[in-house]
């Protein structure tokens, strides 16, 4: 779907969607030692990474749309002072084919995350049906955080199909 068709759909559906093409990327790689300081930095990074749209490519390699928040997250990780953090900030892709491949891969990762959240909501529904109220209630805060984080990433991405999928999950979660 093109940027123009997404903008038309957003206007016709009275959606608050802002369509943005991702022009610049931030690629972050890190190697932190297994020390209390390194473990804490890794946990904090992983906790905050999805909120800026970071998608794990493989061990310790994350791709995210460039934004001041993404740069801040990279700087915060590098500030720990142990290990190595390498950032390629503001990478522009001149080759349109490569750009499309990266965006499709990025969207697939976001969709996979949405699938996982949907499965989590399904488990909560099952726990409630079986009367396991405490177990279902313990899942609420994390599910809410996951939805908030992916919401920020999808809004930044501006993909209408992903936004529709997200809105369906948010409605299901609100009905719990």
Foldseek 3Di string as FASTA:
>chain_A
DDLVVLVVVCVVVVHPFDADAQFFKKKKAWDFDPDPLSVVLVVVLVLCVLLQLWFDPDPRITMGRDDVVVVVSQVSSVVSPGTDMDMDTGDGDPDVVVSVVVLVVSVVRLVVLLVVLVVLLVVLVVCVVVVVPVVSVVSLVVSVSSLNSSVNNCSVNRDPVSVVSSVVSVVSSVVD
